[in-house]
Amino acid sequence: FSVLEDTVGNHPLLDFTSSGLTHSYSNFKGEDNPLRKGKV
């Protein structure tokens, strides 16, 4: 979940990324995302 809060109109702007269904980034070690809410 990435959220831009209270800067687009008067509402939060959510980018909900859902990926993937059959395979995933299993060796993920981290990356910068200052707008992330929760964990990857």
PDB file of all heavy atoms in Angstrom:
ATOM      1  N   PHE A   1       0.852  -1.184   0.000  1.00  0.00           N
ATOM      2  CA  PHE A   1       0.000   0.000   0.000  1.00  0.00           C
ATOM      3  C   PHE A   1       0.890   1.236   0.000  1.00  0.00           C
ATOM      4  O   PHE A   1       1.790   1.358   0.834  1.00  0.00           O
ATOM      5  CB  PHE A   1      -0.883   0.054   1.249  1.00  0.00           C
ATOM      6  CG  PHE A   1      -1.736  -1.165   1.471  1.00  0.00           C
ATOM      7  CD1 PHE A   1      -1.569  -1.937   2.620  1.00  0.00           C
ATOM      8  CD2 PHE A   1      -2.711  -1.540   0.562  1.00  0.00           C
ATOM      9  CE1 PHE A   1      -2.361  -3.049   2.861  1.00  0.00           C
ATOM     10  CE2 PHE A   1      -3.506  -2.660   0.779  1.00  0.00           C
ATOM     11  CZ  PHE A   1      -3.331  -3.413   1.929  1.00  0.00           C
ATOM     12  N   SER A   2       0.632   2.162  -0.928  1.00  0.00           N
ATOM     13  CA  SER A   2       1.302   3.458  -0.923  1.00  0.00           C
ATOM     14  C   SER A   2       0.220   4.523  -0.817  1.00  0.00           C
ATOM     15  O   SER A   2      -0.765   4.481  -1.566  1.00  0.00           O
ATOM     16  CB  SER A   2       2.116   3.670  -2.208  1.00  0.00           C
ATOM     17  OG  SER A   2       3.069   2.643  -2.388  1.00  0.00           O
ATOM     18  N   VAL A   3       0.391   5.472   0.104  1.00  0.00           N
ATOM     19  CA  VAL A   3      -0.658   6.466   0.356  1.00  0.00           C
ATOM     20  C   VAL A   3      -0.068   7.864   0.367  1.00  0.00           C
ATOM     21  O   VAL A   3       0.897   8.154   1.094  1.00  0.00           O
ATOM     22  CB  VAL A   3      -1.369   6.207   1.700  1.00  0.00           C
ATOM     23  CG1 VAL A   3      -2.463   7.250   1.930  1.00  0.00           C
ATOM     24  CG2 VAL A   3      -1.962   4.805   1.733  1.00  0.00           C
ATOM     25  N   LEU A   4      -0.644   8.730  -0.440  1.00  0.00           N
ATOM     26  CA  LEU A   4      -0.347  10.161  -0.447  1.00  0.00           C
ATOM     27  C   LEU A   4      -1.461  10.811   0.352  1.00  0.00           C
ATOM     28  O   LEU A   4      -2.612  10.855  -0.098  1.00  0.00           O
ATOM     29  CB  LEU A   4      -0.310  10.672  -1.885  1.00  0.00           C
ATOM     30  CG  LEU A   4       0.334  12.017  -2.190  1.00  0.00           C
ATOM     31  CD1 LEU A   4       1.786  12.060  -1.733  1.00  0.00           C
ATOM     32  CD2 LEU A   4       0.247  12.313  -3.677  1.00  0.00           C
ATOM     33  N   GLU A   5      -1.149  11.312   1.532  1.00  0.00           N
ATOM     34  CA  GLU A   5      -2.194  11.750   2.460  1.00  0.00           C
ATOM     35  C   GLU A   5      -2.451  13.252   2.377  1.00  0.00           C
ATOM     36  O   GLU A   5      -1.529  14.049   2.453  1.00  0.00           O
ATOM     37  CB  GLU A   5      -1.806  11.379   3.888  1.00  0.00           C
ATOM     38  CG  GLU A   5      -1.695   9.879   4.108  1.00  0.00           C
ATOM     39  CD  GLU A   5      -1.460   9.525   5.561  1.00  0.00           C
ATOM     40  OE1 GLU A   5      -2.419   9.548   6.329  1.00  0.00           O
ATOM     41  OE2 GLU A   5      -0.307   9.220   5.888  1.00  0.00           O
ATOM     42  N   ASP A   6      -3.752  13.591   2.234  1.00  0.00           N
ATOM     43  CA  ASP A   6      -4.233  14.976   2.368  1.00  0.00           C
ATOM     44  C   ASP A   6      -3.523  15.972   1.451  1.00  0.00           C
ATOM     45  O   ASP A   6      -3.425  17.153   1.766  1.00  0.00           O
ATOM     46  CB  ASP A   6      -4.077  15.449   3.828  1.00  0.00           C
ATOM     47  CG  ASP A   6      -4.844  14.565   4.786  1.00  0.00           C
ATOM     48  OD1 ASP A   6      -5.924  14.099   4.401  1.00  0.00           O
ATOM     49  OD2 ASP A   6      -4.356  14.347   5.902  1.00  0.00           O
ATOM     50  N   THR A   7      -3.015  15.503   0.330  1.00  0.00           N
ATOM     51  CA  THR A   7      -2.367  16.426  -0.597  1.00  0.00           C
ATOM     52  C   THR A   7      -3.042  16.420  -1.964  1.00  0.00           C
ATOM     53  O   THR A   7      -2.734  17.243  -2.803  1.00  0.00           O
ATOM     54  CB  THR A   7      -0.876  16.072  -0.785  1.00  0.00           C
ATOM     55  OG1 THR A   7      -0.782  14.708  -1.208  1.00  0.00           O
ATOM     56  CG2 THR A   7      -0.110  16.246   0.504  1.00  0.00           C
ATOM     57  N   VAL A   8      -3.958  15.495  -2.186  1.00  0.00           N
ATOM     58  CA  VAL A   8      -4.710  15.442  -3.439  1.00  0.00           C
ATOM     59  C   VAL A   8      -6.173  15.696  -3.094  1.00  0.00           C
ATOM     60  O   VAL A   8      -6.874  14.804  -2.615  1.00  0.00           O
ATOM     61  CB  VAL A   8      -4.559  14.082  -4.142  1.00  0.00           C
ATOM     62  CG1 VAL A   8      -5.355  14.072  -5.448  1.00  0.00           C
ATOM     63  CG2 VAL A   8      -3.094  13.801  -4.434  1.00  0.00           C
ATOM     64  N   GLY A   9      -6.628  16.952  -3.280  1.00  0.00           N
ATOM     65  CA  GLY A   9      -7.949  17.312  -2.816  1.00  0.00           C
ATOM     66  C   GLY A   9      -7.955  17.213  -1.301  1.00  0.00           C
ATOM     67  O   GLY A   9      -6.992  17.536  -0.615  1.00  0.00           O
ATOM     68  N   ASN A  10      -9.050  16.748  -0.736  1.00  0.00           N
ATOM     69  CA  ASN A  10      -9.129  16.555   0.712  1.00  0.00           C
ATOM     70  C   ASN A  10      -9.137  15.082   1.074  1.00  0.00           C
ATOM     71  O   ASN A  10      -9.523  14.718   2.182  1.00  0.00           O
ATOM     72  CB  ASN A  10     -10.399  17.227   1.249  1.00  0.00           C
ATOM     73  CG  ASN A  10     -10.369  18.732   1.057  1.00  0.00           C
ATOM     74  OD1 ASN A  10      -9.362  19.364   1.321  1.00  0.00           O
ATOM     75  ND2 ASN A  10     -11.473  19.298   0.591  1.00  0.00           N
ATOM     76  N   HIS A  11      -8.713  14.232   0.154  1.00  0.00           N
ATOM     77  CA  HIS A  11      -8.795  12.797   0.355  1.00  0.00           C
ATOM     78  C   HIS A  11      -7.414  12.156   0.235  1.00  0.00           C
ATOM     79  O   HIS A  11      -6.562  12.623  -0.515  1.00  0.00           O
ATOM     80  CB  HIS A  11      -9.719  12.158  -0.688  1.00  0.00           C
ATOM     81  CG  HIS A  11     -11.060  12.802  -0.793  1.00  0.00           C
ATOM     82  ND1 HIS A  11     -11.997  12.728   0.200  1.00  0.00           N
ATOM     83  CD2 HIS A  11     -11.611  13.551  -1.778  1.00  0.00           C
ATOM     84  CE1 HIS A  11     -13.076  13.394  -0.164  1.00  0.00           C
ATOM     85  NE2 HIS A  11     -12.873  13.903  -1.348  1.00  0.00           N
ATOM     86  N   PRO A  12      -7.181  11.064   0.956  1.00  0.00           N
ATOM     87  CA  PRO A  12      -5.941  10.315   0.735  1.00  0.00           C
ATOM     88  C   PRO A  12      -5.960   9.674  -0.647  1.00  0.00           C
ATOM     89  O   PRO A  12      -7.019   9.322  -1.161  1.00  0.00           O
ATOM     90  CB  PRO A  12      -5.982   9.253   1.836  1.00  0.00           C
ATOM     91  CG  PRO A  12      -7.443   9.064   2.136  1.00  0.00           C
ATOM     92  CD  PRO A  12      -8.068  10.411   1.945  1.00  0.00           C
ATOM     93  N   LEU A  13      -4.796   9.556  -1.252  1.00  0.00           N
ATOM     94  CA  LEU A  13      -4.674   8.887  -2.548  1.00  0.00           C
ATOM     95  C   LEU A  13      -3.918   7.578  -2.333  1.00  0.00           C
ATOM     96  O   LEU A  13      -2.734   7.577  -1.987  1.00  0.00           O
ATOM     97  CB  LEU A  13      -3.939   9.768  -3.558  1.00  0.00           C
ATOM     98  CG  LEU A  13      -3.766   9.169  -4.965  1.00  0.00           C
ATOM     99  CD1 LEU A  13      -5.114   8.853  -5.602  1.00  0.00           C
ATOM    100  CD2 LEU A  13      -2.960  10.105  -5.859  1.00  0.00           C
ATOM    101  N   LEU A  14      -4.621   6.469  -2.525  1.00  0.00           N
ATOM    102  CA  LEU A  14      -4.055   5.136  -2.317  1.00  0.00           C
ATOM    103  C   LEU A  14      -3.664   4.506  -3.643  1.00  0.00           C
ATOM    104  O   LEU A  14      -4.445   4.505  -4.590  1.00  0.00           O
ATOM    105  CB  LEU A  14      -5.088   4.242  -1.618  1.00  0.00           C
ATOM    106  CG  LEU A  14      -4.813   2.723  -1.620  1.00  0.00           C
ATOM    107  CD1 LEU A  14      -3.595   2.384  -0.764  1.00  0.00           C
ATOM    108  CD2 LEU A  14      -6.041   1.951  -1.145  1.00  0.00           C
ATOM    109  N   ASP A  15      -2.455   3.965  -3.691  1.00  0.00           N
ATOM    110  CA  ASP A  15      -2.023   3.075  -4.769  1.00  0.00           C
ATOM    111  C   ASP A  15      -1.860   1.696  -4.149  1.00  0.00           C
ATOM    112  O   ASP A  15      -0.920   1.450  -3.391  1.00  0.00           O
ATOM    113  CB  ASP A  15      -0.707   3.570  -5.378  1.00  0.00           C
ATOM    114  CG  ASP A  15      -0.187   2.666  -6.492  1.00  0.00           C
ATOM    115  OD1 ASP A  15      -0.889   1.711  -6.873  1.00  0.00           O
ATOM    116  OD2 ASP A  15       0.939   2.928  -6.981  1.00  0.00           O
ATOM    117  N   PHE A  16      -2.805   0.814  -4.466  1.00  0.00           N
ATOM    118  CA  PHE A  16      -2.801  -0.556  -3.944  1.00  0.00           C
ATOM    119  C   PHE A  16      -2.197  -1.445  -5.016  1.00  0.00           C
ATOM    120  O   PHE A  16      -2.787  -1.670  -6.065  1.00  0.00           O
ATOM    121  CB  PHE A  16      -4.233  -0.966  -3.607  1.00  0.00           C
ATOM    122  CG  PHE A  16      -4.395  -2.319  -2.956  1.00  0.00           C
ATOM    123  CD1 PHE A  16      -5.647  -2.714  -2.487  1.00  0.00           C
ATOM    124  CD2 PHE A  16      -3.341  -3.225  -2.800  1.00  0.00           C
ATOM    125  CE1 PHE A  16      -5.832  -3.961  -1.882  1.00  0.00           C
ATOM    126  CE2 PHE A  16      -3.507  -4.460  -2.201  1.00  0.00           C
ATOM    127  CZ  PHE A  16      -4.767  -4.825  -1.745  1.00  0.00           C
ATOM    128  N   THR A  17      -0.988  -1.946  -4.756  1.00  0.00           N
ATOM    129  CA  THR A  17      -0.300  -2.840  -5.682  1.00  0.00           C
ATOM    130  C   THR A  17      -0.531  -4.280  -5.257  1.00  0.00           C
ATOM    131  O   THR A  17      -0.258  -4.646  -4.109  1.00  0.00           O
ATOM    132  CB  THR A  17       1.212  -2.559  -5.699  1.00  0.00           C
ATOM    133  OG1 THR A  17       1.441  -1.196  -6.071  1.00  0.00           O
ATOM    134  CG2 THR A  17       1.928  -3.477  -6.683  1.00  0.00           C
ATOM    135  N   SER A  18      -1.055  -5.102  -6.179  1.00  0.00           N
ATOM    136  CA  SER A  18      -1.256  -6.527  -5.907  1.00  0.00           C
ATOM    137  C   SER A  18      -0.604  -7.340  -7.014  1.00  0.00           C
ATOM    138  O   SER A  18      -1.037  -7.338  -8.155  1.00  0.00           O
ATOM    139  CB  SER A  18      -2.751  -6.859  -5.831  1.00  0.00           C
ATOM    140  OG  SER A  18      -2.941  -8.224  -5.523  1.00  0.00           O
ATOM    141  N   SER A  19       0.482  -8.071  -6.638  1.00  0.00           N
ATOM    142  CA  SER A  19       1.267  -8.816  -7.623  1.00  0.00           C
ATOM    143  C   SER A  19       2.200  -9.756  -6.859  1.00  0.00           C
ATOM    144  O   SER A  19       2.829  -9.329  -5.884  1.00  0.00           O
ATOM    145  CB  SER A  19       2.069  -7.817  -8.456  1.00  0.00           C
ATOM    146  OG  SER A  19       2.986  -8.439  -9.300  1.00  0.00           O
ATOM    147  N   GLY A  20       2.328 -11.010  -7.216  1.00  0.00           N
ATOM    148  CA  GLY A  20       1.697 -11.697  -8.291  1.00  0.00           C
ATOM    149  C   GLY A  20       0.900 -12.903  -7.802  1.00  0.00           C
ATOM    150  O   GLY A  20       1.004 -13.343  -6.658  1.00  0.00           O
ATOM    151  N   LEU A  21       0.201 -13.459  -8.744  1.00  0.00           N
ATOM    152  CA  LEU A  21      -0.702 -14.563  -8.456  1.00  0.00           C
ATOM    153  C   LEU A  21      -0.004 -15.928  -8.444  1.00  0.00           C
ATOM    154  O   LEU A  21      -0.309 -16.781  -7.622  1.00  0.00           O
ATOM    155  CB  LEU A  21      -1.829 -14.565  -9.483  1.00  0.00           C
ATOM    156  CG  LEU A  21      -2.835 -13.411  -9.346  1.00  0.00           C
ATOM    157  CD1 LEU A  21      -3.652 -13.272 -10.615  1.00  0.00           C
ATOM    158  CD2 LEU A  21      -3.732 -13.633  -8.142  1.00  0.00           C
ATOM    159  N   THR A  22       0.914 -16.153  -9.369  1.00  0.00           N
ATOM    160  CA  THR A  22       1.578 -17.454  -9.453  1.00  0.00           C
ATOM    161  C   THR A  22       3.035 -17.428  -9.002  1.00  0.00           C
ATOM    162  O   THR A  22       3.627 -18.483  -8.755  1.00  0.00           O
ATOM    163  CB  THR A  22       1.538 -18.001 -10.897  1.00  0.00           C
ATOM    164  OG1 THR A  22       2.186 -17.060 -11.776  1.00  0.00           O
ATOM    165  CG2 THR A  22       0.103 -18.221 -11.354  1.00  0.00           C
ATOM    166  N   HIS A  23       3.629 -16.260  -8.904  1.00  0.00           N
ATOM    167  CA  HIS A  23       5.037 -16.161  -8.542  1.00  0.00           C
ATOM    168  C   HIS A  23       5.271 -14.795  -7.899  1.00  0.00           C
ATOM    169  O   HIS A  23       4.463 -13.875  -8.058  1.00  0.00           O
ATOM    170  CB  HIS A  23       5.933 -16.335  -9.776  1.00  0.00           C
ATOM    171  CG  HIS A  23       5.636 -15.369 -10.877  1.00  0.00           C
ATOM    172  ND1 HIS A  23       4.468 -15.399 -11.610  1.00  0.00           N
ATOM    173  CD2 HIS A  23       6.351 -14.334 -11.376  1.00  0.00           C
ATOM    174  CE1 HIS A  23       4.481 -14.428 -12.512  1.00  0.00           C
ATOM    175  NE2 HIS A  23       5.605 -13.770 -12.386  1.00  0.00           N
ATOM    176  N   SER A  24       6.382 -14.667  -7.186  1.00  0.00           N
ATOM    177  CA  SER A  24       6.620 -13.431  -6.443  1.00  0.00           C
ATOM    178  C   SER A  24       8.114 -13.136  -6.359  1.00  0.00           C
ATOM    179  O   SER A  24       8.957 -13.961  -6.719  1.00  0.00           O
ATOM    180  CB  SER A  24       6.016 -13.537  -5.044  1.00  0.00           C
ATOM    181  OG  SER A  24       6.618 -14.604  -4.326  1.00  0.00           O
ATOM    182  N   TYR A  25       8.407 -11.945  -5.870  1.00  0.00           N
ATOM    183  CA  TYR A  25       9.772 -11.448  -5.698  1.00  0.00           C
ATOM    184  C   TYR A  25      10.315 -12.039  -4.392  1.00  0.00           C
ATOM    185  O   TYR A  25      10.495 -11.352  -3.400  1.00  0.00           O
ATOM    186  CB  TYR A  25       9.711  -9.925  -5.645  1.00  0.00           C
ATOM    187  CG  TYR A  25      11.007  -9.174  -5.750  1.00  0.00           C
ATOM    188  CD1 TYR A  25      10.998  -7.779  -5.833  1.00  0.00           C
ATOM    189  CD2 TYR A  25      12.244  -9.812  -5.768  1.00  0.00           C
ATOM    190  CE1 TYR A  25      12.166  -7.045  -5.920  1.00  0.00           C
ATOM    191  CE2 TYR A  25      13.420  -9.095  -5.855  1.00  0.00           C
ATOM    192  CZ  TYR A  25      13.370  -7.704  -5.928  1.00  0.00           C
ATOM    193  OH  TYR A  25      14.540  -6.985  -6.016  1.00  0.00           O
ATOM    194  N   SER A  26      10.589 -13.344  -4.418  1.00  0.00           N
ATOM    195  CA  SER A  26      10.887 -14.086  -3.191  1.00  0.00           C
ATOM    196  C   SER A  26      12.200 -13.655  -2.538  1.00  0.00           C
ATOM    197  O   SER A  26      12.360 -13.790  -1.319  1.00  0.00           O
ATOM    198  CB  SER A  26      10.922 -15.592  -3.477  1.00  0.00           C
ATOM    199  OG  SER A  26      11.873 -15.891  -4.493  1.00  0.00           O
ATOM    200  N   ASN A  27      13.139 -13.117  -3.315  1.00  0.00           N
ATOM    201  CA  ASN A  27      14.416 -12.694  -2.733  1.00  0.00           C
ATOM    202  C   ASN A  27      14.449 -11.189  -2.466  1.00  0.00           C
ATOM    203  O   ASN A  27      15.506 -10.579  -2.401  1.00  0.00           O
ATOM    204  CB  ASN A  27      15.587 -13.097  -3.631  1.00  0.00           C
ATOM    205  CG  ASN A  27      15.506 -12.454  -5.010  1.00  0.00           C
ATOM    206  OD1 ASN A  27      14.459 -11.921  -5.391  1.00  0.00           O
ATOM    207  ND2 ASN A  27      16.601 -12.495  -5.765  1.00  0.00           N
ATOM    208  N   PHE A  28      13.266 -10.588  -2.308  1.00  0.00           N
ATOM    209  CA  PHE A  28      13.164  -9.156  -2.017  1.00  0.00           C
ATOM    210  C   PHE A  28      13.923  -8.813  -0.742  1.00  0.00           C
ATOM    211  O   PHE A  28      13.752  -9.450   0.295  1.00  0.00           O
ATOM    212  CB  PHE A  28      11.686  -8.779  -1.869  1.00  0.00           C
ATOM    213  CG  PHE A  28      11.445  -7.344  -1.489  1.00  0.00           C
ATOM    214  CD1 PHE A  28      11.470  -6.339  -2.449  1.00  0.00           C
ATOM    215  CD2 PHE A  28      11.177  -7.002  -0.176  1.00  0.00           C
ATOM    216  CE1 PHE A  28      11.232  -5.021  -2.093  1.00  0.00           C
ATOM    217  CE2 PHE A  28      10.932  -5.679   0.185  1.00  0.00           C
ATOM    218  CZ  PHE A  28      10.958  -4.692  -0.774  1.00  0.00           C
ATOM    219  N   LYS A  29      14.772  -7.790  -0.825  1.00  0.00           N
ATOM    220  CA  LYS A  29      15.575  -7.386   0.328  1.00  0.00           C
ATOM    221  C   LYS A  29      15.239  -5.982   0.811  1.00  0.00           C
ATOM    222  O   LYS A  29      15.815  -5.499   1.772  1.00  0.00           O
ATOM    223  CB  LYS A  29      17.077  -7.445  -0.036  1.00  0.00           C
ATOM    224  CG  LYS A  29      17.578  -8.842  -0.380  1.00  0.00           C
ATOM    225  CD  LYS A  29      17.498  -9.776   0.815  1.00  0.00           C
ATOM    226  CE  LYS A  29      18.205 -11.093   0.551  1.00  0.00           C
ATOM    227  NZ  LYS A  29      17.614 -11.884  -0.543  1.00  0.00           N
ATOM    228  N   GLY A  30      14.331  -5.319   0.119  1.00  0.00           N
ATOM    229  CA  GLY A  30      13.962  -3.967   0.527  1.00  0.00           C
ATOM    230  C   GLY A  30      14.214  -2.943  -0.564  1.00  0.00           C
ATOM    231  O   GLY A  30      15.098  -3.126  -1.408  1.00  0.00           O
ATOM    232  N   GLU A  31      13.415  -1.867  -0.560  1.00  0.00           N
ATOM    233  CA  GLU A  31      13.597  -0.752  -1.477  1.00  0.00           C
ATOM    234  C   GLU A  31      12.881   0.458  -0.892  1.00  0.00           C
ATOM    235  O   GLU A  31      11.940   0.329  -0.109  1.00  0.00           O
ATOM    236  CB  GLU A  31      13.046  -1.068  -2.872  1.00  0.00           C
ATOM    237  CG  GLU A  31      11.561  -1.363  -2.894  1.00  0.00           C
ATOM    238  CD  GLU A  31      11.076  -1.867  -4.250  1.00  0.00           C
ATOM    239  OE1 GLU A  31      11.849  -2.543  -4.946  1.00  0.00           O
ATOM    240  OE2 GLU A  31       9.917  -1.586  -4.594  1.00  0.00           O
ATOM    241  N   ASP A  32      13.333   1.647  -1.256  1.00  0.00           N
ATOM    242  CA  ASP A  32      12.767   2.878  -0.711  1.00  0.00           C
ATOM    243  C   ASP A  32      11.371   3.140  -1.275  1.00  0.00           C
ATOM    244  O   ASP A  32      11.138   3.017  -2.483  1.00  0.00           O
ATOM    245  CB  ASP A  32      13.673   4.069  -1.038  1.00  0.00           C
ATOM    246  CG  ASP A  32      14.999   4.014  -0.297  1.00  0.00           C
ATOM    247  OD1 ASP A  32      15.036   3.375   0.769  1.00  0.00           O
ATOM    248  OD2 ASP A  32      15.981   4.597  -0.790  1.00  0.00           O
ATOM    249  N   ASN A  33      10.473   3.480  -0.389  1.00  0.00           N
ATOM    250  CA  ASN A  33       9.142   3.959  -0.755  1.00  0.00           C
ATOM    251  C   ASN A  33       8.609   4.740   0.438  1.00  0.00           C
ATOM    252  O   ASN A  33       7.999   4.168   1.338  1.00  0.00           O
ATOM    253  CB  ASN A  33       8.206   2.804  -1.109  1.00  0.00           C
ATOM    254  CG  ASN A  33       6.794   3.287  -1.450  1.00  0.00           C
ATOM    255  OD1 ASN A  33       6.543   4.497  -1.533  1.00  0.00           O
ATOM    256  ND2 ASN A  33       5.883   2.363  -1.635  1.00  0.00           N
ATOM    257  N   PRO A  34       8.830   6.046   0.479  1.00  0.00           N
ATOM    258  CA  PRO A  34       8.423   6.839   1.642  1.00  0.00           C
ATOM    259  C   PRO A  34       6.915   6.888   1.853  1.00  0.00           C
ATOM    260  O   PRO A  34       6.459   7.284   2.931  1.00  0.00           O
ATOM    261  CB  PRO A  34       8.978   8.238   1.329  1.00  0.00           C
ATOM    262  CG  PRO A  34       9.193   8.256  -0.140  1.00  0.00           C
ATOM    263  CD  PRO A  34       9.536   6.858  -0.530  1.00  0.00           C
ATOM    264  N   LEU A  35       6.128   6.481   0.856  1.00  0.00           N
ATOM    265  CA  LEU A  35       4.673   6.519   0.974  1.00  0.00           C
ATOM    266  C   LEU A  35       4.082   5.177   1.397  1.00  0.00           C
ATOM    267  O   LEU A  35       2.862   5.048   1.499  1.00  0.00           O
ATOM    268  CB  LEU A  35       4.053   6.954  -0.363  1.00  0.00           C
ATOM    269  CG  LEU A  35       4.496   8.323  -0.899  1.00  0.00           C
ATOM    270  CD1 LEU A  35       3.802   8.621  -2.222  1.00  0.00           C
ATOM    271  CD2 LEU A  35       4.213   9.422   0.114  1.00  0.00           C
ATOM    272  N   ARG A  36       4.924   4.185   1.660  1.00  0.00           N
ATOM    273  CA  ARG A  36       4.435   2.850   1.995  1.00  0.00           C
ATOM    274  C   ARG A  36       3.760   2.833   3.361  1.00  0.00           C
ATOM    275  O   ARG A  36       4.233   3.435   4.316  1.00  0.00           O
ATOM    276  CB  ARG A  36       5.597   1.857   1.982  1.00  0.00           C
ATOM    277  CG  ARG A  36       5.181   0.411   2.295  1.00  0.00           C
ATOM    278  CD  ARG A  36       6.384  -0.512   2.312  1.00  0.00           C
ATOM    279  NE  ARG A  36       7.057  -0.524   1.025  1.00  0.00           N
ATOM    280  CZ  ARG A  36       8.359  -0.330   0.862  1.00  0.00           C
ATOM    281  NH1 ARG A  36       9.134  -0.093   1.904  1.00  0.00           N
ATOM    282  NH2 ARG A  36       8.890  -0.358  -0.343  1.00  0.00           N
ATOM    283  N   LYS A  37       2.636   2.121   3.420  1.00  0.00           N
ATOM    284  CA  LYS A  37       1.943   1.857   4.675  1.00  0.00           C
ATOM    285  C   LYS A  37       1.984   0.348   4.931  1.00  0.00           C
ATOM    286  O   LYS A  37       1.548  -0.432   4.091  1.00  0.00           O
ATOM    287  CB  LYS A  37       0.492   2.331   4.611  1.00  0.00           C
ATOM    288  CG  LYS A  37       0.329   3.825   4.394  1.00  0.00           C
ATOM    289  CD  LYS A  37       0.827   4.617   5.593  1.00  0.00           C
ATOM    290  CE  LYS A  37       0.610   6.100   5.390  1.00  0.00           C
ATOM    291  NZ  LYS A  37       1.126   6.906   6.532  1.00  0.00           N
ATOM    292  N   GLY A  38       2.496  -0.043   6.088  1.00  0.00           N
ATOM    293  CA  GLY A  38       2.625  -1.464   6.376  1.00  0.00           C
ATOM    294  C   GLY A  38       3.874  -2.031   5.727  1.00  0.00           C
ATOM    295  O   GLY A  38       4.800  -1.312   5.355  1.00  0.00           O
ATOM    296  N   LYS A  39       3.870  -3.337   5.533  1.00  0.00           N
ATOM    297  CA  LYS A  39       5.055  -4.004   5.005  1.00  0.00           C
ATOM    298  C   LYS A  39       4.835  -4.459   3.567  1.00  0.00           C
ATOM    299  O   LYS A  39       3.704  -4.576   3.091  1.00  0.00           O
ATOM    300  CB  LYS A  39       5.419  -5.207   5.872  1.00  0.00           C
ATOM    301  CG  LYS A  39       4.392  -6.331   5.847  1.00  0.00           C
ATOM    302  CD  LYS A  39       4.822  -7.487   6.740  1.00  0.00           C
ATOM    303  CE  LYS A  39       3.808  -8.633   6.681  1.00  0.00           C
ATOM    304  NZ  LYS A  39       4.185  -9.764   7.558  1.00  0.00           N
ATOM    305  N   VAL A  40       5.921  -4.730   2.893  1.00  0.00           N
ATOM    306  CA  VAL A  40       5.862  -5.308   1.554  1.00  0.00           C
ATOM    307  C   VAL A  40       5.586  -6.797   1.668  1.00  0.00           C
ATOM    308  O   VAL A  40       6.209  -7.499   2.474  1.00  0.00           O
ATOM    309  CB  VAL A  40       7.191  -5.085   0.796  1.00  0.00           C
ATOM    310  CG1 VAL A  40       7.194  -5.827  -0.529  1.00  0.00           C
ATOM    311  CG2 VAL A  40       7.424  -3.599   0.566  1.00  0.00           C
TER     312      VAL A  40
END
